[in-house]
Amino acid sequence: MFNFKEIISVTLILFAIIDILGSIPIIINLRKREGVIQSEKATIISGILMIAFLFVGDGILKLFGIDFQSFAMAGAIIIFIIGLEMILGKDFFHTDPEIKSGSIVPLAFPLIVGAGTMTTLLSLRAAYSLPNVLVGIIVNLIFVYIVLKSSGWIEKKLGKAGADVLRKVFGVILLAIAIKLFKSNLPI
């Protein structure tokens, strides 16, 4: 049932994909724009989205006639682009500055639960037992909540240089994950 090694693997994979630490600069800018981040609301909505997609994501794909490999390849490309953004410091994806529901859009979706997270959840469900994936999701949600709650403090402690280094390290990790996803879903 519960396997500590699987839980650690799932947690670390989701941690790299969600990349809440690499998103700290975005969270800080969002907090400045909105005035406040609703940490509880963003975390709960993110959890609902992840768990719902974990259970019904495959059915949604089948409804649209999309096979898992195609979705995983699309997710790998998105993860690759996000990794490039983090390393190069360029924005390829833009959010609408007019939207004032920052705790839901863009924070819960697509920043925390984006296409990369959804693709990864389907891959994790295929590779690991469901209880271990659920525990990995919960551990990540706890960490997301802590980071969201303490974003002001983190901003002061990291400084600009620390945030940049963290972002680039997780960018390289995301690139490696994207390449692994791409390689594992290539038709033989």
N, C-alpha and C. Protein backbone atom coordinates (compact mmCIF):
# COMPACT_ATOMS: atom_id res chain seq x y z
N MET A 1 0.85 -1.19 0.00
CA MET A 1 0.00 0.00 0.00
C MET A 1 0.89 1.24 0.00
N PHE A 2 1.30 1.72 1.18
CA PHE A 2 2.16 2.90 1.24
C PHE A 2 3.61 2.46 1.14
N ASN A 3 4.34 3.12 0.25
CA ASN A 3 5.74 2.82 0.04
C ASN A 3 6.51 4.12 0.18
N PHE A 4 7.37 4.21 1.20
CA PHE A 4 8.08 5.44 1.51
C PHE A 4 8.91 5.91 0.32
N LYS A 5 9.56 5.00 -0.37
CA LYS A 5 10.39 5.36 -1.52
C LYS A 5 9.54 5.97 -2.63
N GLU A 6 8.37 5.38 -2.90
CA GLU A 6 7.47 5.92 -3.92
C GLU A 6 6.95 7.30 -3.51
N ILE A 7 6.61 7.44 -2.24
CA ILE A 7 6.11 8.74 -1.76
C ILE A 7 7.16 9.82 -1.95
N ILE A 8 8.42 9.50 -1.60
CA ILE A 8 9.51 10.47 -1.78
C ILE A 8 9.68 10.79 -3.26
N SER A 9 9.67 9.78 -4.11
CA SER A 9 9.82 10.00 -5.56
C SER A 9 8.71 10.89 -6.11
N VAL A 10 7.46 10.55 -5.79
CA VAL A 10 6.32 11.33 -6.25
C VAL A 10 6.41 12.77 -5.73
N THR A 11 6.74 12.91 -4.46
CA THR A 11 6.83 14.24 -3.85
C THR A 11 7.88 15.08 -4.55
N LEU A 12 9.05 14.51 -4.79
CA LEU A 12 10.13 15.26 -5.43
C LEU A 12 9.81 15.60 -6.88
N ILE A 13 9.19 14.68 -7.59
CA ILE A 13 8.81 14.95 -8.98
C ILE A 13 7.80 16.09 -9.04
N LEU A 14 6.76 16.00 -8.21
CA LEU A 14 5.76 17.07 -8.19
C LEU A 14 6.37 18.39 -7.71
N PHE A 15 7.27 18.31 -6.74
CA PHE A 15 7.94 19.50 -6.22
C PHE A 15 8.68 20.22 -7.35
N ALA A 16 9.37 19.47 -8.18
CA ALA A 16 10.11 20.07 -9.30
C ALA A 16 9.17 20.64 -10.35
N ILE A 17 8.06 19.94 -10.62
CA ILE A 17 7.11 20.40 -11.64
C ILE A 17 6.34 21.63 -11.15
N ILE A 18 5.82 21.57 -9.94
CA ILE A 18 5.07 22.70 -9.40
C ILE A 18 6.01 23.89 -9.24
N ASP A 19 7.23 23.62 -8.81
CA ASP A 19 8.29 24.62 -8.69
C ASP A 19 7.83 25.87 -7.94
N ILE A 20 7.27 25.64 -6.77
CA ILE A 20 6.78 26.78 -5.99
C ILE A 20 7.93 27.70 -5.58
N LEU A 21 9.11 27.14 -5.34
CA LEU A 21 10.26 27.99 -4.99
C LEU A 21 10.69 28.83 -6.18
N GLY A 22 10.71 28.24 -7.37
CA GLY A 22 11.05 28.99 -8.57
C GLY A 22 10.00 30.03 -8.92
N SER A 23 8.81 29.86 -8.39
CA SER A 23 7.72 30.80 -8.65
C SER A 23 7.67 31.94 -7.64
N ILE A 24 8.57 31.93 -6.67
CA ILE A 24 8.56 32.97 -5.64
C ILE A 24 8.59 34.37 -6.25
N PRO A 25 9.43 34.64 -7.26
CA PRO A 25 9.38 35.99 -7.84
C PRO A 25 8.01 36.35 -8.41
N ILE A 26 7.35 35.39 -9.03
CA ILE A 26 6.01 35.62 -9.58
C ILE A 26 5.02 35.86 -8.44
N ILE A 27 5.12 35.06 -7.38
CA ILE A 27 4.23 35.19 -6.23
C ILE A 27 4.42 36.56 -5.58
N ILE A 28 5.66 37.00 -5.45
CA ILE A 28 5.95 38.30 -4.84
C ILE A 28 5.35 39.42 -5.69
N ASN A 29 5.53 39.34 -7.01
CA ASN A 29 4.94 40.36 -7.89
C ASN A 29 3.42 40.34 -7.81
N LEU A 30 2.83 39.15 -7.74
CA LEU A 30 1.38 39.02 -7.62
C LEU A 30 0.89 39.61 -6.30
N ARG A 31 1.63 39.36 -5.23
CA ARG A 31 1.27 39.91 -3.92
C ARG A 31 1.33 41.44 -3.95
N LYS A 32 2.32 41.99 -4.62
CA LYS A 32 2.44 43.45 -4.73
C LYS A 32 1.28 44.02 -5.53
N ARG A 33 0.89 43.33 -6.61
CA ARG A 33 -0.19 43.80 -7.47
C ARG A 33 -1.55 43.67 -6.80
N GLU A 34 -1.78 42.52 -6.16
CA GLU A 34 -3.09 42.24 -5.56
C GLU A 34 -3.23 42.80 -4.15
N GLY A 35 -2.09 42.99 -3.47
CA GLY A 35 -2.12 43.44 -2.09
C GLY A 35 -2.05 42.29 -1.10
N VAL A 36 -2.64 41.16 -1.47
CA VAL A 36 -2.63 40.00 -0.58
C VAL A 36 -2.77 38.72 -1.42
N ILE A 37 -2.15 37.66 -0.94
CA ILE A 37 -2.31 36.34 -1.54
C ILE A 37 -3.18 35.53 -0.59
N GLN A 38 -4.27 34.97 -1.10
CA GLN A 38 -5.14 34.14 -0.27
C GLN A 38 -4.57 32.72 -0.31
N SER A 39 -3.65 32.46 0.62
CA SER A 39 -2.91 31.20 0.64
C SER A 39 -3.82 29.99 0.76
N GLU A 40 -4.78 30.06 1.66
CA GLU A 40 -5.69 28.92 1.88
C GLU A 40 -6.50 28.62 0.63
N LYS A 41 -7.06 29.67 0.03
CA LYS A 41 -7.89 29.51 -1.15
C LYS A 41 -7.08 28.93 -2.31
N ALA A 42 -5.90 29.47 -2.55
CA ALA A 42 -5.04 28.99 -3.64
C ALA A 42 -4.64 27.53 -3.43
N THR A 43 -4.32 27.17 -2.19
CA THR A 43 -3.89 25.80 -1.89
C THR A 43 -5.05 24.82 -2.05
N ILE A 44 -6.21 25.17 -1.53
CA ILE A 44 -7.38 24.28 -1.62
C ILE A 44 -7.79 24.07 -3.07
N ILE A 45 -7.86 25.15 -3.84
CA ILE A 45 -8.25 25.03 -5.25
C ILE A 45 -7.22 24.22 -6.02
N SER A 46 -5.95 24.43 -5.73
CA SER A 46 -4.89 23.64 -6.38
C SER A 46 -5.06 22.16 -6.06
N GLY A 47 -5.34 21.85 -4.80
CA GLY A 47 -5.54 20.46 -4.38
C GLY A 47 -6.72 19.82 -5.08
N ILE A 48 -7.82 20.56 -5.15
CA ILE A 48 -9.02 20.04 -5.83
C ILE A 48 -8.71 19.76 -7.30
N LEU A 49 -8.03 20.71 -7.96
CA LEU A 49 -7.69 20.52 -9.37
C LEU A 49 -6.79 19.30 -9.58
N MET A 50 -5.76 19.16 -8.73
CA MET A 50 -4.83 18.04 -8.90
C MET A 50 -5.51 16.71 -8.67
N ILE A 51 -6.27 16.60 -7.59
CA ILE A 51 -6.92 15.33 -7.27
C ILE A 51 -8.00 14.99 -8.30
N ALA A 52 -8.75 16.00 -8.73
CA ALA A 52 -9.78 15.77 -9.75
C ALA A 52 -9.14 15.28 -11.05
N PHE A 53 -8.05 15.92 -11.47
CA PHE A 53 -7.41 15.50 -12.71
C PHE A 53 -6.77 14.13 -12.56
N LEU A 54 -6.29 13.82 -11.38
CA LEU A 54 -5.71 12.50 -11.14
C LEU A 54 -6.73 11.40 -11.41
N PHE A 55 -7.98 11.66 -11.00
CA PHE A 55 -9.02 10.64 -11.15
C PHE A 55 -9.76 10.69 -12.50
N VAL A 56 -10.01 11.89 -13.03
CA VAL A 56 -10.83 11.98 -14.25
C VAL A 56 -10.05 12.47 -15.47
N GLY A 57 -8.77 12.77 -15.29
CA GLY A 57 -7.96 13.29 -16.40
C GLY A 57 -7.91 12.35 -17.58
N ASP A 58 -7.74 11.06 -17.31
CA ASP A 58 -7.67 10.08 -18.39
C ASP A 58 -9.00 10.02 -19.14
N GLY A 59 -10.11 10.11 -18.41
CA GLY A 59 -11.43 10.11 -19.04
C GLY A 59 -11.66 11.34 -19.90
N ILE A 60 -11.16 12.48 -19.44
CA ILE A 60 -11.28 13.71 -20.22
C ILE A 60 -10.50 13.59 -21.53
N LEU A 61 -9.31 13.02 -21.42
CA LEU A 61 -8.50 12.82 -22.63
C LEU A 61 -9.22 11.91 -23.62
N LYS A 62 -9.80 10.83 -23.12
CA LYS A 62 -10.51 9.90 -23.99
C LYS A 62 -11.73 10.56 -24.63
N LEU A 63 -12.40 11.44 -23.87
CA LEU A 63 -13.55 12.17 -24.38
C LEU A 63 -13.18 12.98 -25.61
N PHE A 64 -11.99 13.56 -25.60
CA PHE A 64 -11.51 14.36 -26.73
C PHE A 64 -10.71 13.54 -27.74
N GLY A 65 -10.60 12.24 -27.50
CA GLY A 65 -9.88 11.37 -28.42
C GLY A 65 -8.37 11.58 -28.39
N ILE A 66 -7.86 11.99 -27.25
CA ILE A 66 -6.42 12.23 -27.11
C ILE A 66 -5.83 11.08 -26.31
N ASP A 67 -4.79 10.46 -26.86
CA ASP A 67 -4.15 9.39 -26.11
C ASP A 67 -3.16 9.97 -25.10
N PHE A 68 -2.83 9.17 -24.11
CA PHE A 68 -1.95 9.62 -23.03
C PHE A 68 -0.59 10.06 -23.55
N GLN A 69 -0.06 9.33 -24.52
CA GLN A 69 1.27 9.67 -25.04
C GLN A 69 1.27 11.06 -25.69
N SER A 70 0.22 11.40 -26.43
CA SER A 70 0.13 12.72 -27.05
C SER A 70 0.05 13.81 -26.00
N PHE A 71 -0.75 13.57 -24.97
CA PHE A 71 -0.88 14.55 -23.89
C PHE A 71 0.45 14.69 -23.15
N ALA A 72 1.11 13.57 -22.91
CA ALA A 72 2.40 13.60 -22.22
C ALA A 72 3.44 14.34 -23.05
N MET A 73 3.42 14.14 -24.37
CA MET A 73 4.35 14.85 -25.25
C MET A 73 4.06 16.36 -25.22
N ALA A 74 2.79 16.72 -25.26
CA ALA A 74 2.43 18.15 -25.18
C ALA A 74 2.89 18.73 -23.84
N GLY A 75 2.66 17.98 -22.78
CA GLY A 75 3.10 18.42 -21.46
C GLY A 75 4.61 18.53 -21.38
N ALA A 76 5.32 17.60 -22.02
CA ALA A 76 6.79 17.65 -22.02
C ALA A 76 7.28 18.91 -22.72
N ILE A 77 6.61 19.29 -23.80
CA ILE A 77 7.00 20.52 -24.50
C ILE A 77 6.75 21.74 -23.62
N ILE A 78 5.61 21.76 -22.93
CA ILE A 78 5.31 22.88 -22.03
C ILE A 78 6.31 22.93 -20.88
N ILE A 79 6.60 21.78 -20.29
CA ILE A 79 7.58 21.74 -19.20
C ILE A 79 8.94 22.23 -19.70
N PHE A 80 9.30 21.83 -20.92
CA PHE A 80 10.57 22.25 -21.51
C PHE A 80 10.60 23.77 -21.67
N ILE A 81 9.51 24.34 -22.16
CA ILE A 81 9.45 25.80 -22.35
C ILE A 81 9.51 26.52 -21.01
N ILE A 82 8.81 25.99 -20.00
CA ILE A 82 8.86 26.60 -18.67
C ILE A 82 10.29 26.54 -18.12
N GLY A 83 10.96 25.41 -18.32
CA GLY A 83 12.35 25.29 -17.90
C GLY A 83 13.24 26.31 -18.60
N LEU A 84 13.02 26.49 -19.90
CA LEU A 84 13.77 27.50 -20.65
C LEU A 84 13.50 28.90 -20.10
N GLU A 85 12.23 29.18 -19.80
CA GLU A 85 11.89 30.48 -19.20
C GLU A 85 12.70 30.72 -17.94
N MET A 86 12.75 29.69 -17.10
CA MET A 86 13.43 29.83 -15.82
C MET A 86 14.92 30.04 -15.99
N ILE A 87 15.52 29.35 -16.94
CA ILE A 87 16.96 29.45 -17.14
C ILE A 87 17.34 30.73 -17.87
N LEU A 88 16.58 31.05 -18.91
CA LEU A 88 16.92 32.20 -19.76
C LEU A 88 16.38 33.53 -19.22
N GLY A 89 15.40 33.45 -18.32
CA GLY A 89 14.81 34.68 -17.79
C GLY A 89 13.89 35.38 -18.77
N LYS A 90 13.37 34.65 -19.74
CA LYS A 90 12.44 35.19 -20.73
C LYS A 90 11.05 34.63 -20.48
N ASP A 91 10.03 35.44 -20.73
CA ASP A 91 8.65 35.00 -20.55
C ASP A 91 8.05 34.60 -21.90
N PHE A 92 7.68 33.33 -22.01
CA PHE A 92 6.99 32.85 -23.20
C PHE A 92 5.48 32.80 -22.96
N PHE A 93 5.09 32.56 -21.70
CA PHE A 93 3.69 32.52 -21.32
C PHE A 93 3.37 33.80 -20.57
N HIS A 94 2.28 34.44 -20.95
CA HIS A 94 1.90 35.69 -20.30
C HIS A 94 0.52 35.54 -19.68
N THR A 95 0.33 36.19 -18.52
CA THR A 95 -0.99 36.19 -17.89
C THR A 95 -1.63 37.54 -18.13
N ASP A 96 -2.93 37.59 -18.05
CA ASP A 96 -3.69 38.81 -18.28
C ASP A 96 -3.59 39.72 -17.05
N PRO A 97 -2.98 40.91 -17.17
CA PRO A 97 -2.84 41.79 -16.02
C PRO A 97 -4.15 42.38 -15.53
N GLU A 98 -5.21 42.27 -16.33
CA GLU A 98 -6.51 42.83 -15.95
C GLU A 98 -7.25 41.95 -14.95
N ILE A 99 -6.88 40.67 -14.88
CA ILE A 99 -7.58 39.74 -13.99
C ILE A 99 -7.17 40.02 -12.55
N LYS A 100 -8.15 40.18 -11.67
CA LYS A 100 -7.87 40.53 -10.29
C LYS A 100 -8.14 39.40 -9.31
N SER A 101 -8.27 38.18 -9.80
CA SER A 101 -8.47 37.03 -8.92
C SER A 101 -7.17 36.24 -8.81
N GLY A 102 -6.11 36.92 -8.41
CA GLY A 102 -4.77 36.36 -8.45
C GLY A 102 -4.57 35.08 -7.68
N SER A 103 -5.37 34.83 -6.65
CA SER A 103 -5.19 33.60 -5.88
C SER A 103 -5.66 32.37 -6.65
N ILE A 104 -6.57 32.58 -7.60
CA ILE A 104 -7.04 31.46 -8.41
C ILE A 104 -6.33 31.47 -9.76
N VAL A 105 -6.46 32.55 -10.49
CA VAL A 105 -5.78 32.71 -11.78
C VAL A 105 -4.86 33.90 -11.65
N PRO A 106 -3.59 33.79 -11.80
CA PRO A 106 -2.81 32.69 -12.34
C PRO A 106 -2.15 31.81 -11.28
N LEU A 107 -2.44 32.02 -9.98
CA LEU A 107 -1.69 31.30 -8.95
C LEU A 107 -2.06 29.82 -8.89
N ALA A 108 -3.32 29.50 -8.55
CA ALA A 108 -3.71 28.09 -8.46
C ALA A 108 -3.65 27.43 -9.84
N PHE A 109 -4.17 28.14 -10.84
CA PHE A 109 -4.13 27.65 -12.22
C PHE A 109 -3.76 28.81 -13.12
N PRO A 110 -2.72 28.74 -13.87
CA PRO A 110 -1.88 27.61 -14.22
C PRO A 110 -0.53 27.55 -13.51
N LEU A 111 -0.25 28.46 -12.56
CA LEU A 111 1.08 28.46 -11.96
C LEU A 111 1.36 27.20 -11.15
N ILE A 112 0.46 26.84 -10.22
CA ILE A 112 0.66 25.65 -9.40
C ILE A 112 0.20 24.41 -10.15
N VAL A 113 -1.01 24.45 -10.68
CA VAL A 113 -1.56 23.31 -11.42
C VAL A 113 -1.72 23.71 -12.88
N GLY A 114 -0.68 23.50 -13.63
CA GLY A 114 -0.71 23.79 -15.06
C GLY A 114 -0.67 22.50 -15.85
N ALA A 115 -0.45 22.62 -17.13
CA ALA A 115 -0.41 21.45 -18.00
C ALA A 115 0.70 20.49 -17.59
N GLY A 116 1.82 21.04 -17.15
CA GLY A 116 2.93 20.19 -16.72
C GLY A 116 2.56 19.35 -15.52
N THR A 117 1.89 19.97 -14.55
CA THR A 117 1.46 19.24 -13.36
C THR A 117 0.43 18.18 -13.73
N MET A 118 -0.51 18.53 -14.61
CA MET A 118 -1.54 17.57 -15.01
C MET A 118 -0.93 16.38 -15.75
N THR A 119 -0.02 16.65 -16.67
CA THR A 119 0.64 15.57 -17.39
C THR A 119 1.41 14.69 -16.43
N THR A 120 2.11 15.32 -15.52
CA THR A 120 2.90 14.57 -14.54
C THR A 120 2.01 13.70 -13.68
N LEU A 121 0.85 14.21 -13.27
CA LEU A 121 -0.06 13.41 -12.45
C LEU A 121 -0.51 12.15 -13.18
N LEU A 122 -0.81 12.28 -14.47
CA LEU A 122 -1.20 11.09 -15.24
C LEU A 122 -0.04 10.10 -15.34
N SER A 123 1.16 10.64 -15.54
CA SER A 123 2.34 9.77 -15.62
C SER A 123 2.59 9.09 -14.28
N LEU A 124 2.45 9.83 -13.19
CA LEU A 124 2.67 9.27 -11.86
C LEU A 124 1.64 8.20 -11.54
N ARG A 125 0.40 8.44 -11.96
CA ARG A 125 -0.65 7.45 -11.70
C ARG A 125 -0.35 6.14 -12.42
N ALA A 126 0.26 6.25 -13.59
CA ALA A 126 0.61 5.04 -14.35
C ALA A 126 1.82 4.32 -13.74
N ALA A 127 2.70 5.07 -13.07
CA ALA A 127 3.96 4.49 -12.59
C ALA A 127 3.95 4.13 -11.11
N TYR A 128 3.11 4.77 -10.31
CA TYR A 128 3.11 4.57 -8.85
C TYR A 128 1.71 4.23 -8.36
N SER A 129 1.63 3.65 -7.16
CA SER A 129 0.31 3.32 -6.62
C SER A 129 -0.41 4.60 -6.20
N LEU A 130 -1.73 4.58 -6.35
CA LEU A 130 -2.56 5.75 -6.11
C LEU A 130 -2.39 6.35 -4.70
N PRO A 131 -2.36 5.55 -3.63
CA PRO A 131 -2.19 6.16 -2.31
C PRO A 131 -0.88 6.94 -2.18
N ASN A 132 0.18 6.44 -2.80
CA ASN A 132 1.47 7.14 -2.73
C ASN A 132 1.44 8.45 -3.50
N VAL A 133 0.73 8.47 -4.62
CA VAL A 133 0.58 9.71 -5.40
C VAL A 133 -0.22 10.72 -4.60
N LEU A 134 -1.29 10.26 -3.95
CA LEU A 134 -2.11 11.17 -3.14
C LEU A 134 -1.31 11.77 -1.98
N VAL A 135 -0.50 10.97 -1.32
CA VAL A 135 0.34 11.48 -0.23
C VAL A 135 1.33 12.50 -0.78
N GLY A 136 1.92 12.22 -1.96
CA GLY A 136 2.84 13.16 -2.59
C GLY A 136 2.17 14.49 -2.90
N ILE A 137 0.92 14.43 -3.36
CA ILE A 137 0.16 15.66 -3.64
C ILE A 137 -0.04 16.44 -2.35
N ILE A 138 -0.46 15.75 -1.29
CA ILE A 138 -0.73 16.43 -0.02
C ILE A 138 0.54 17.07 0.55
N VAL A 139 1.66 16.35 0.49
CA VAL A 139 2.93 16.91 0.98
C VAL A 139 3.28 18.18 0.20
N ASN A 140 3.09 18.15 -1.11
CA ASN A 140 3.38 19.32 -1.93
C ASN A 140 2.43 20.47 -1.63
N LEU A 141 1.16 20.16 -1.38
CA LEU A 141 0.21 21.22 -1.04
C LEU A 141 0.56 21.89 0.28
N ILE A 142 1.03 21.10 1.23
CA ILE A 142 1.47 21.68 2.51
C ILE A 142 2.64 22.63 2.26
N PHE A 143 3.58 22.19 1.44
CA PHE A 143 4.74 23.03 1.14
C PHE A 143 4.31 24.29 0.38
N VAL A 144 3.40 24.15 -0.58
CA VAL A 144 2.88 25.29 -1.33
C VAL A 144 2.26 26.30 -0.37
N TYR A 145 1.44 25.81 0.55
CA TYR A 145 0.79 26.68 1.53
C TYR A 145 1.81 27.44 2.37
N ILE A 146 2.84 26.74 2.84
CA ILE A 146 3.89 27.37 3.66
C ILE A 146 4.60 28.46 2.85
N VAL A 147 4.93 28.17 1.61
CA VAL A 147 5.63 29.16 0.77
C VAL A 147 4.73 30.37 0.50
N LEU A 148 3.45 30.12 0.19
CA LEU A 148 2.54 31.22 -0.07
C LEU A 148 2.37 32.10 1.17
N LYS A 149 2.24 31.46 2.32
CA LYS A 149 2.05 32.20 3.58
C LYS A 149 3.27 33.04 3.94
N SER A 150 4.45 32.53 3.58
CA SER A 150 5.67 33.22 4.02
C SER A 150 6.43 33.87 2.86
N SER A 151 5.73 34.22 1.79
CA SER A 151 6.40 34.79 0.61
C SER A 151 7.12 36.10 0.92
N GLY A 152 6.57 36.91 1.79
CA GLY A 152 7.24 38.17 2.17
C GLY A 152 8.55 37.92 2.89
N TRP A 153 8.52 37.00 3.83
CA TRP A 153 9.72 36.64 4.58
C TRP A 153 10.77 36.02 3.66
N ILE A 154 10.32 35.13 2.76
CA ILE A 154 11.23 34.48 1.83
C ILE A 154 11.89 35.52 0.93
N GLU A 155 11.11 36.49 0.48
CA GLU A 155 11.65 37.54 -0.38
C GLU A 155 12.82 38.26 0.30
N LYS A 156 12.65 38.56 1.57
CA LYS A 156 13.71 39.26 2.31
C LYS A 156 14.94 38.38 2.49
N LYS A 157 14.75 37.10 2.78
CA LYS A 157 15.86 36.19 3.07
C LYS A 157 16.65 35.81 1.81
N LEU A 158 15.95 35.54 0.72
CA LEU A 158 16.62 35.10 -0.50
C LEU A 158 17.37 36.22 -1.20
N GLY A 159 16.75 37.34 -1.29
CA GLY A 159 17.32 38.41 -2.09
C GLY A 159 17.18 38.08 -3.56
N LYS A 160 17.49 39.02 -4.41
CA LYS A 160 17.34 38.80 -5.84
C LYS A 160 18.28 37.71 -6.35
N ALA A 161 19.53 37.73 -5.92
CA ALA A 161 20.51 36.74 -6.41
C ALA A 161 20.10 35.33 -6.01
N GLY A 162 19.66 35.14 -4.78
CA GLY A 162 19.24 33.81 -4.31
C GLY A 162 18.05 33.29 -5.08
N ALA A 163 17.07 34.16 -5.34
CA ALA A 163 15.88 33.76 -6.10
C ALA A 163 16.26 33.38 -7.53
N ASP A 164 17.19 34.12 -8.13
CA ASP A 164 17.63 33.82 -9.49
C ASP A 164 18.33 32.47 -9.57
N VAL A 165 19.21 32.18 -8.61
CA VAL A 165 19.93 30.89 -8.59
C VAL A 165 18.92 29.75 -8.43
N LEU A 166 18.00 29.90 -7.50
CA LEU A 166 16.99 28.88 -7.25
C LEU A 166 16.16 28.62 -8.51
N ARG A 167 15.78 29.67 -9.17
CA ARG A 167 14.97 29.55 -10.38
C ARG A 167 15.74 28.81 -11.48
N LYS A 168 17.00 29.09 -11.65
CA LYS A 168 17.80 28.45 -12.69
C LYS A 168 18.05 26.96 -12.38
N VAL A 169 18.29 26.64 -11.12
CA VAL A 169 18.48 25.24 -10.74
C VAL A 169 17.23 24.43 -11.04
N PHE A 170 16.07 24.94 -10.65
CA PHE A 170 14.84 24.21 -10.92
C PHE A 170 14.49 24.23 -12.41
N GLY A 171 14.96 25.21 -13.14
CA GLY A 171 14.79 25.23 -14.59
C GLY A 171 15.51 24.06 -15.24
N VAL A 172 16.74 23.80 -14.80
CA VAL A 172 17.51 22.67 -15.34
C VAL A 172 16.82 21.35 -14.99
N ILE A 173 16.32 21.25 -13.77
CA ILE A 173 15.59 20.03 -13.36
C ILE A 173 14.36 19.83 -14.24
N LEU A 174 13.63 20.90 -14.52
CA LEU A 174 12.45 20.79 -15.38
C LEU A 174 12.84 20.37 -16.80
N LEU A 175 13.93 20.91 -17.32
CA LEU A 175 14.38 20.51 -18.65
C LEU A 175 14.67 19.01 -18.68
N ALA A 176 15.35 18.52 -17.66
CA ALA A 176 15.67 17.08 -17.59
C ALA A 176 14.39 16.24 -17.51
N ILE A 177 13.42 16.69 -16.73
CA ILE A 177 12.15 15.96 -16.62
C ILE A 177 11.43 15.97 -17.97
N ALA A 178 11.44 17.11 -18.66
CA ALA A 178 10.79 17.20 -19.96
C ALA A 178 11.43 16.24 -20.96
N ILE A 179 12.74 16.19 -20.97
CA ILE A 179 13.42 15.29 -21.89
C ILE A 179 13.12 13.84 -21.56
N LYS A 180 13.07 13.51 -20.27
CA LYS A 180 12.72 12.15 -19.86
C LYS A 180 11.30 11.80 -20.30
N LEU A 181 10.35 12.72 -20.08
CA LEU A 181 8.96 12.49 -20.51
C LEU A 181 8.90 12.32 -22.02
N PHE A 182 9.62 13.14 -22.74
CA PHE A 182 9.63 13.07 -24.19
C PHE A 182 10.17 11.74 -24.67
N LYS A 183 11.31 11.33 -24.13
CA LYS A 183 11.94 10.07 -24.51
C LYS A 183 11.06 8.87 -24.19
N SER A 184 10.41 8.90 -23.03
CA SER A 184 9.61 7.74 -22.62
C SER A 184 8.29 7.63 -23.38
N ASN A 185 7.89 8.68 -24.08
CA ASN A 185 6.62 8.63 -24.83
C ASN A 185 6.82 8.63 -26.35
N LEU A 186 8.07 8.50 -26.78
CA LEU A 186 8.32 8.38 -28.21
C LEU A 186 7.84 7.02 -28.70
N PRO A 187 7.20 6.99 -29.86
CA PRO A 187 6.80 5.68 -30.40
C PRO A 187 8.03 4.90 -30.83
N ILE A 188 8.01 3.63 -30.55
CA ILE A 188 9.17 2.78 -30.88
C ILE A 188 9.00 2.13 -32.22
